[in-house]
Amino acid sequence: MEYVDGGSVSLSMSGAYLSKAVCLGLASNLINTGAVSGMSRQQIACEIFAHAVIYYGTSPIVVGAIGSVMFNDIRSHANPIDIADGGDTWKRRVAFNVIWALLY
């Protein structure tokens, strides 16, 4: 399920988002339809993937890499995944990129 409001989108969590390929495809769709702007395909995919990884469970490697405070912060906002135009805070974007690089 997808809710779009003024250039941002709210995605219900899905186990499919544990696939980087699925996240990249969805990111392309969100950009092409104008649902999200001001973010690259990679940035959107990283955000979706990181939320799914944290929502469905993760390894101590992720918690160690991003810290328990950031882990808990992202976890508390994991479902739905709210993607705003221009992206999230720089701290969360760093965490999303770390999770993308570490897993799968």
Foldseek 3Di string as FASTA:
>chain_A
DWDADDAKIWAFQDLVLCDLVVLLVVLVVCVVVSSEAQDDSVLRSLQSNLLNQLQVDHDVVLCVVLPPVLSVVSPVCSGTRIAHHNGDDPSNSVSSVVVVVPDD
